[in-house]
Amino acid sequence: MDTDSEFAIEVRGLVKRYRGSRGQAGIEAVRGIDLSVRRGEVFGFLGPNGAGKTTIVRMLCTLLPITDGQARVAGVDVVKNPAEVRRRIGVALQEVGLDPRQTGRELLELQCGLYRVPRPAARCAELLALVGLSEAADRTVKTYSGGMRRRLDLATALVHEPQVLFLDEPTTGLDPASRATVWDEVRRINAAGTTVFLTTQYLEEADQLCRRLAIIDDGRLVADGTPDSLKAKLGSDVITVGLRPDEHQAARDALAALPGLDHVTDAAEGLAVYVGEGAAAVADVVRLLVEAGIRPGTVSLARPTLDDVFLASTGRRIEGGTPEAAA
């Protein structure tokens, strides 16, 4: 693993194990993860709460000791030289740790001092403009909205121009407008050359921002690739059929005879039917249901989504699968 490597993050066999207490068995929260993140990309880490996303971020940021395996961040071994890793990275965790009594400018000036940033006043002004907080710079943080606090937290992570920026679920709990603003900031930060490692449980966020992503479930990596390639691997279109709850089982039985059927799952208001050549299959879906005495309320056809990828990879749907649902 060379410091001139094309990869900003390289992980091999990463394990995090917690000891049990009072005779109880220990917990293996991360189970042999391998991944590589190229310099200059936005890499998404997708998974439900408790999957191990935050644990991995904390290990890569030197906040948690690694039980086993190897990790290099920005060309530096995380175990052998954690201080140098910290100099090369920026971190914005789920909990926004900002002093509510200070102003935005004061907080940024403090961070500049800690990192010995030259010309701190100019750097603060630059960052405040970058995250759209110039007009609110001299207000105390307690007067900021949730979205403004997230953007200020991003700015504090950027004062020393890090090579790699870790964002752990940066838009959790934000309204859609604030979420979109944070997305714009992430794009701008990445366009300036910073590698971004983004953990999220929001499918649309991963689709919008990430050049590549990995799906983690129960501490294991279960899929990785570009969003488009992961969807294409499913090889099925999705026909969503609007049904009453009491019609689901009869509909499943009727659709078992559908040519090219992959599988059928529950959808928000009916069933999702995964089938090859979906456009040609719509008429057969309707025919089979009508023959079984079921008249669908709606029928729609779509290509696979990341939600479908997650379902195929883990056997279940992700909680809070869209930002709108979480909001």
Protein backbone atom coordinates (compact mmCIF):
# COMPACT_ATOMS: atom_id res chain seq x y z
CA MET A 1 0.00 0.00 0.00
CA ASP A 2 1.93 2.94 -1.39
CA THR A 3 1.54 6.57 -0.30
CA ASP A 4 1.30 7.40 -4.01
CA SER A 5 -1.54 4.92 -4.44
CA GLU A 6 -4.58 5.85 -6.48
CA PHE A 7 -6.64 4.98 -3.40
CA ALA A 8 -7.47 7.41 -0.61
CA ILE A 9 -8.72 4.59 1.64
CA GLU A 10 -7.59 0.94 1.62
CA VAL A 11 -9.03 -1.58 4.05
CA ARG A 12 -8.23 -5.29 4.30
CA GLY A 13 -9.85 -7.76 6.69
CA LEU A 14 -11.11 -5.05 9.06
CA VAL A 15 -12.61 -6.44 12.27
CA LYS A 16 -14.08 -4.80 15.37
CA ARG A 17 -14.83 -7.07 18.29
CA TYR A 18 -16.22 -5.98 21.67
CA ARG A 19 -15.60 -8.08 24.75
CA GLY A 20 -18.54 -9.54 26.61
CA SER A 21 -19.12 -8.68 30.25
CA ARG A 22 -19.73 -11.02 33.19
CA GLY A 23 -19.27 -14.20 31.22
CA GLN A 24 -21.32 -13.08 28.22
CA ALA A 25 -20.08 -13.71 24.69
CA GLY A 26 -18.43 -10.80 22.88
CA ILE A 27 -19.93 -8.98 19.91
CA GLU A 28 -18.29 -8.82 16.47
CA ALA A 29 -19.62 -5.56 15.09
CA VAL A 30 -17.45 -5.53 11.94
CA ARG A 31 -16.62 -8.85 10.29
CA GLY A 32 -13.69 -8.82 7.89
CA ILE A 33 -14.40 -5.80 5.65
CA ASP A 34 -12.35 -5.23 2.47
CA LEU A 35 -12.82 -2.00 0.51
CA SER A 36 -10.95 0.61 -1.50
CA VAL A 37 -11.90 4.23 -2.17
CA ARG A 38 -10.26 6.07 -5.05
CA ARG A 39 -8.84 9.54 -4.58
CA GLY A 40 -11.28 12.29 -5.53
CA GLU A 41 -14.49 10.25 -5.46
CA VAL A 42 -17.60 10.35 -3.28
CA PHE A 43 -17.92 6.87 -1.83
CA GLY A 44 -21.18 5.87 -0.19
CA PHE A 45 -21.54 3.40 2.68
CA LEU A 46 -25.15 2.30 2.75
CA GLY A 47 -26.88 0.31 5.45
CA PRO A 48 -29.51 0.29 8.19
CA ASN A 49 -28.93 1.49 11.73
CA GLY A 50 -26.73 -0.96 13.60
CA ALA A 51 -25.13 -2.41 10.46
CA GLY A 52 -21.62 -1.25 11.45
CA LYS A 53 -21.29 1.94 9.38
CA THR A 54 -20.41 4.27 12.24
CA THR A 55 -18.09 1.73 13.86
CA ILE A 56 -16.06 1.51 10.63
CA VAL A 57 -15.89 5.30 10.28
CA ARG A 58 -14.68 5.65 13.88
CA MET A 59 -11.94 3.07 13.29
CA LEU A 60 -10.78 4.78 10.09
CA CYS A 61 -10.77 8.14 11.90
CA THR A 62 -8.66 6.67 14.77
CA LEU A 63 -11.49 7.16 17.29
CA LEU A 64 -11.83 3.41 17.91
CA PRO A 65 -9.01 0.84 18.05
CA ILE A 66 -8.96 -1.78 15.29
CA THR A 67 -9.30 -5.35 16.58
CA ASP A 68 -7.85 -6.98 13.47
CA GLY A 69 -7.00 -6.18 9.85
CA GLN A 70 -5.26 -3.31 8.09
CA ALA A 71 -6.38 0.19 7.13
CA ARG A 72 -4.65 3.07 5.37
CA VAL A 73 -6.23 6.51 5.02
CA ALA A 74 -4.67 9.23 2.85
CA GLY A 75 -1.65 6.94 2.41
CA VAL A 76 -1.02 6.50 6.16
CA ASP A 77 -1.39 3.39 8.31
CA VAL A 78 -4.20 4.03 10.81
CA VAL A 79 -2.69 1.83 13.53
CA LYS A 80 0.98 2.80 13.16
CA ASN A 81 0.56 6.57 12.71
CA PRO A 82 -2.85 7.76 13.94
CA ALA A 83 -1.66 11.34 14.58
CA GLU A 84 -0.68 11.79 10.93
CA VAL A 85 -4.01 10.31 9.81
CA ARG A 86 -5.83 12.91 11.92
CA ARG A 87 -3.83 15.70 10.27
CA ARG A 88 -4.93 14.54 6.82
CA ILE A 89 -8.65 13.97 7.41
CA GLY A 90 -11.77 15.94 8.27
CA VAL A 91 -14.63 14.40 10.23
CA ALA A 92 -18.29 15.35 10.67
CA LEU A 93 -20.05 12.73 12.80
CA GLN A 94 -23.77 12.25 13.43
CA GLU A 95 -23.67 14.29 16.63
CA VAL A 96 -22.93 17.91 15.77
CA GLY A 97 -20.49 18.97 18.50
CA LEU A 98 -20.78 22.77 18.36
CA ASP A 99 -20.73 25.14 21.34
CA PRO A 100 -24.12 26.91 21.18
CA ARG A 101 -22.73 30.00 22.95
CA GLN A 102 -20.12 30.76 20.32
CA THR A 103 -20.69 32.39 16.97
CA GLY A 104 -20.04 30.54 13.73
CA ARG A 105 -16.99 32.69 13.08
CA GLU A 106 -15.57 32.07 16.57
CA LEU A 107 -15.91 28.31 16.17
CA LEU A 108 -14.11 28.34 12.84
CA GLU A 109 -11.36 30.59 14.21
CA LEU A 110 -10.88 28.14 17.09
CA GLN A 111 -10.51 25.24 14.64
CA CYS A 112 -8.04 27.25 12.56
CA GLY A 113 -5.97 27.84 15.70
CA LEU A 114 -5.96 24.15 16.61
CA TYR A 115 -4.67 23.24 13.15
CA ARG A 116 -2.32 26.26 12.97
CA VAL A 117 -3.93 27.42 9.75
CA PRO A 118 -2.15 30.49 8.28
CA ARG A 119 -4.29 33.63 7.72
CA PRO A 120 -7.20 32.25 9.82
CA ALA A 121 -9.49 35.24 9.22
CA ALA A 122 -9.30 34.80 5.45
CA ARG A 123 -9.80 31.03 5.74
CA CYS A 124 -12.87 31.52 7.97
CA ALA A 125 -14.40 33.99 5.53
CA GLU A 126 -13.76 31.57 2.66
CA LEU A 127 -15.42 28.67 4.46
CA LEU A 128 -18.40 30.70 5.63
CA ALA A 129 -19.02 31.72 2.03
CA LEU A 130 -18.59 28.12 0.86
CA VAL A 131 -21.33 26.82 3.17
CA GLY A 132 -23.60 29.85 2.76
CA LEU A 133 -23.27 31.21 6.31
CA SER A 134 -21.54 34.55 5.75
CA GLU A 135 -24.57 36.58 6.85
CA ALA A 136 -25.03 34.43 9.99
CA ALA A 137 -21.32 34.32 10.89
CA ASP A 138 -21.61 36.56 13.95
CA ARG A 139 -24.76 34.99 15.36
CA THR A 140 -24.49 32.44 18.17
CA VAL A 141 -24.89 28.82 17.12
CA LYS A 142 -27.94 28.36 19.37
CA THR A 143 -29.85 30.60 16.93
CA TYR A 144 -28.97 28.37 13.94
CA SER A 145 -31.40 25.92 12.37
CA GLY A 146 -30.51 22.22 12.13
CA GLY A 147 -29.43 22.65 8.52
CA MET A 148 -27.22 25.61 9.36
CA ARG A 149 -25.53 23.65 12.15
CA ARG A 150 -24.82 20.78 9.77
CA ARG A 151 -23.24 23.19 7.27
CA LEU A 152 -21.14 24.84 9.99
CA ASP A 153 -20.01 21.40 11.16
CA LEU A 154 -18.92 20.70 7.56
CA ALA A 155 -16.96 23.93 7.53
CA THR A 156 -15.14 23.08 10.79
CA ALA A 157 -14.08 19.75 9.25
CA LEU A 158 -12.59 21.59 6.25
CA VAL A 159 -10.47 24.30 7.89
CA HIS A 160 -7.16 22.47 7.30
CA GLU A 161 -8.05 21.38 3.73
CA PRO A 162 -8.18 17.63 4.46
CA GLN A 163 -7.40 15.04 1.81
CA VAL A 164 -10.28 12.83 2.97
CA LEU A 165 -13.57 13.99 4.50
CA PHE A 166 -15.67 11.53 6.54
CA LEU A 167 -19.37 12.35 6.76
CA ASP A 168 -21.39 10.06 9.02
CA GLU A 169 -25.09 10.38 8.08
CA PRO A 170 -24.77 14.16 7.56
CA THR A 171 -28.44 14.78 6.74
CA THR A 172 -30.18 12.68 9.40
CA GLY A 173 -33.12 14.60 10.85
CA LEU A 174 -32.98 17.46 8.34
CA ASP A 175 -35.95 18.73 6.34
CA PRO A 176 -35.82 18.21 2.54
CA ALA A 177 -34.68 21.77 1.78
CA SER A 178 -31.79 21.62 4.29
CA ARG A 179 -30.87 18.17 3.02
CA ALA A 180 -30.63 19.43 -0.57
CA THR A 181 -28.40 22.30 0.60
CA VAL A 182 -26.02 19.89 2.35
CA TRP A 183 -25.93 17.76 -0.83
CA ASP A 184 -24.86 20.85 -2.79
CA GLU A 185 -22.07 21.53 -0.26
CA VAL A 186 -20.80 17.95 -0.54
CA ARG A 187 -20.69 18.25 -4.34
CA ARG A 188 -18.75 21.52 -4.12
CA ILE A 189 -16.28 20.07 -1.59
CA ASN A 190 -15.70 17.06 -3.79
CA ALA A 191 -15.31 19.19 -6.94
CA ALA A 192 -12.44 20.99 -5.19
CA GLY A 193 -10.57 17.67 -4.96
CA THR A 194 -11.49 16.27 -1.55
CA THR A 195 -12.29 12.56 -1.31
CA VAL A 196 -15.59 12.07 0.54
CA PHE A 197 -16.53 8.94 2.51
CA LEU A 198 -20.25 9.21 3.17
CA THR A 199 -22.32 6.89 5.36
CA THR A 200 -26.07 7.04 4.92
CA GLN A 201 -29.27 5.10 5.32
CA TYR A 202 -31.02 7.23 2.69
CA LEU A 203 -31.19 5.56 -0.71
CA GLU A 204 -31.79 8.73 -2.70
CA GLU A 205 -28.82 10.40 -1.01
CA ALA A 206 -26.53 7.57 -2.10
CA ASP A 207 -27.95 7.65 -5.63
CA GLN A 208 -27.58 11.42 -5.94
CA LEU A 209 -24.09 11.87 -4.49
CA CYS A 210 -22.03 8.71 -4.76
CA ARG A 211 -19.91 7.63 -7.69
CA ARG A 212 -19.52 4.22 -6.03
CA LEU A 213 -21.09 2.67 -2.97
CA ALA A 214 -21.02 -0.41 -0.78
CA ILE A 215 -23.85 -2.00 1.15
CA ILE A 216 -23.12 -3.27 4.64
CA ASP A 217 -25.40 -5.50 6.67
CA ASP A 218 -24.71 -7.11 10.04
CA GLY A 219 -21.06 -6.07 9.91
CA ARG A 220 -20.41 -7.62 6.48
CA LEU A 221 -20.01 -6.10 3.02
CA VAL A 222 -22.78 -7.60 0.87
CA ALA A 223 -22.52 -5.55 -2.36
CA ASP A 224 -20.40 -2.83 -3.95
CA GLY A 225 -20.16 -0.98 -7.25
CA THR A 226 -21.64 2.06 -8.98
CA PRO A 227 -25.35 2.70 -8.34
CA ASP A 228 -26.14 1.94 -12.00
CA SER A 229 -24.11 -1.29 -12.09
CA LEU A 230 -25.72 -2.57 -8.89
CA LYS A 231 -29.18 -1.93 -10.31
CA ALA A 232 -28.26 -3.53 -13.62
CA LYS A 233 -27.10 -6.72 -11.88
CA LEU A 234 -30.65 -7.39 -10.74
CA GLY A 235 -31.70 -7.88 -14.37
CA SER A 236 -35.39 -7.40 -13.57
CA ASP A 237 -37.98 -4.69 -14.08
CA VAL A 238 -40.43 -3.91 -11.29
CA ILE A 239 -44.20 -3.97 -11.80
CA THR A 240 -45.99 -2.48 -8.79
CA VAL A 241 -49.61 -3.56 -8.39
CA GLY A 242 -52.04 -1.72 -6.12
CA LEU A 243 -54.04 -4.22 -4.03
CA ARG A 244 -56.01 -4.51 -0.81
CA PRO A 245 -54.11 -6.28 2.02
CA ASP A 246 -56.58 -9.19 1.98
CA GLU A 247 -55.77 -9.82 -1.71
CA HIS A 248 -52.01 -10.24 -1.32
CA GLN A 249 -51.81 -14.01 -0.88
CA ALA A 250 -54.30 -14.78 -3.66
CA ALA A 251 -52.37 -12.42 -5.95
CA ARG A 252 -49.07 -14.12 -5.11
CA ASP A 253 -50.59 -17.51 -5.95
CA ALA A 254 -51.95 -16.22 -9.26
CA LEU A 255 -48.68 -14.54 -10.26
CA ALA A 256 -46.66 -17.72 -9.68
CA ALA A 257 -47.58 -18.66 -13.28
CA LEU A 258 -46.15 -15.44 -14.74
CA PRO A 259 -43.50 -16.15 -17.43
CA GLY A 260 -40.08 -14.76 -16.53
CA LEU A 261 -41.03 -14.12 -12.88
CA ASP A 262 -38.07 -13.51 -10.56
CA HIS A 263 -39.80 -12.87 -7.23
CA VAL A 264 -42.67 -10.98 -5.57
CA THR A 265 -42.39 -8.77 -2.47
CA ASP A 266 -44.67 -6.48 -0.48
CA ALA A 267 -44.81 -2.86 -1.64
CA ALA A 268 -46.22 0.26 0.03
CA GLU A 269 -49.74 -0.24 -1.34
CA GLY A 270 -49.70 -3.72 -2.84
CA LEU A 271 -47.11 -6.03 -4.37
CA ALA A 272 -43.86 -5.48 -6.28
CA VAL A 273 -43.40 -8.02 -9.06
CA TYR A 274 -39.81 -8.48 -10.33
CA VAL A 275 -39.74 -9.84 -13.85
CA GLY A 276 -37.61 -9.77 -17.00
CA GLU A 277 -38.98 -7.66 -19.89
CA GLY A 278 -41.42 -5.79 -17.67
CA ALA A 279 -43.18 -3.89 -20.45
CA ALA A 280 -44.19 -7.14 -22.14
CA ALA A 281 -45.23 -8.70 -18.81
CA VAL A 282 -47.69 -6.00 -17.69
CA ALA A 283 -50.57 -7.45 -19.74
CA ASP A 284 -49.93 -10.95 -18.37
CA VAL A 285 -49.88 -9.62 -14.78
CA VAL A 286 -53.27 -7.98 -15.23
CA ARG A 287 -54.70 -11.05 -17.00
CA LEU A 288 -53.58 -13.48 -14.28
CA LEU A 289 -55.00 -11.27 -11.53
CA VAL A 290 -58.35 -10.77 -13.28
CA GLU A 291 -58.64 -14.51 -13.90
CA ALA A 292 -58.17 -15.00 -10.16
CA GLY A 293 -60.99 -12.53 -9.44
CA ILE A 294 -58.64 -9.69 -8.41
CA ARG A 295 -58.91 -6.24 -10.00
CA PRO A 296 -55.76 -4.20 -9.28
CA GLY A 297 -56.27 -0.57 -8.34
CA THR A 298 -53.08 0.60 -10.08
CA VAL A 299 -50.30 -0.95 -12.17
CA SER A 300 -46.95 0.79 -12.75
CA LEU A 301 -43.64 -0.22 -14.34
CA ALA A 302 -40.17 0.93 -13.24
CA ARG A 303 -36.52 0.00 -13.42
CA PRO A 304 -34.88 -1.38 -10.24
CA THR A 305 -33.91 1.11 -7.52
CA LEU A 306 -31.27 1.00 -4.80
CA ASP A 307 -34.04 -0.15 -2.48
CA ASP A 308 -34.41 -3.21 -4.73
CA VAL A 309 -30.63 -3.71 -4.67
CA PHE A 310 -30.64 -3.58 -0.87
CA LEU A 311 -33.51 -6.06 -0.73
CA ALA A 312 -31.73 -8.47 -3.07
CA SER A 313 -28.46 -8.13 -1.10
CA THR A 314 -29.83 -8.44 2.44
CA GLY A 315 -33.27 -10.03 2.15
CA ARG A 316 -34.98 -7.00 3.69
CA ARG A 317 -35.67 -3.35 2.98
CA ILE A 318 -33.68 -0.57 4.55
CA GLU A 319 -35.30 1.48 7.31
CA GLY A 320 -35.81 5.12 6.33
CA GLY A 321 -35.19 4.14 2.74
CA THR A 322 -35.92 7.59 1.34
CA PRO A 323 -35.17 11.05 2.75
CA GLU A 324 -38.84 11.98 2.47
CA ALA A 325 -39.84 9.09 4.71
CA ALA A 326 -37.31 10.12 7.32
CA ALA A 327 -38.35 13.76 7.18
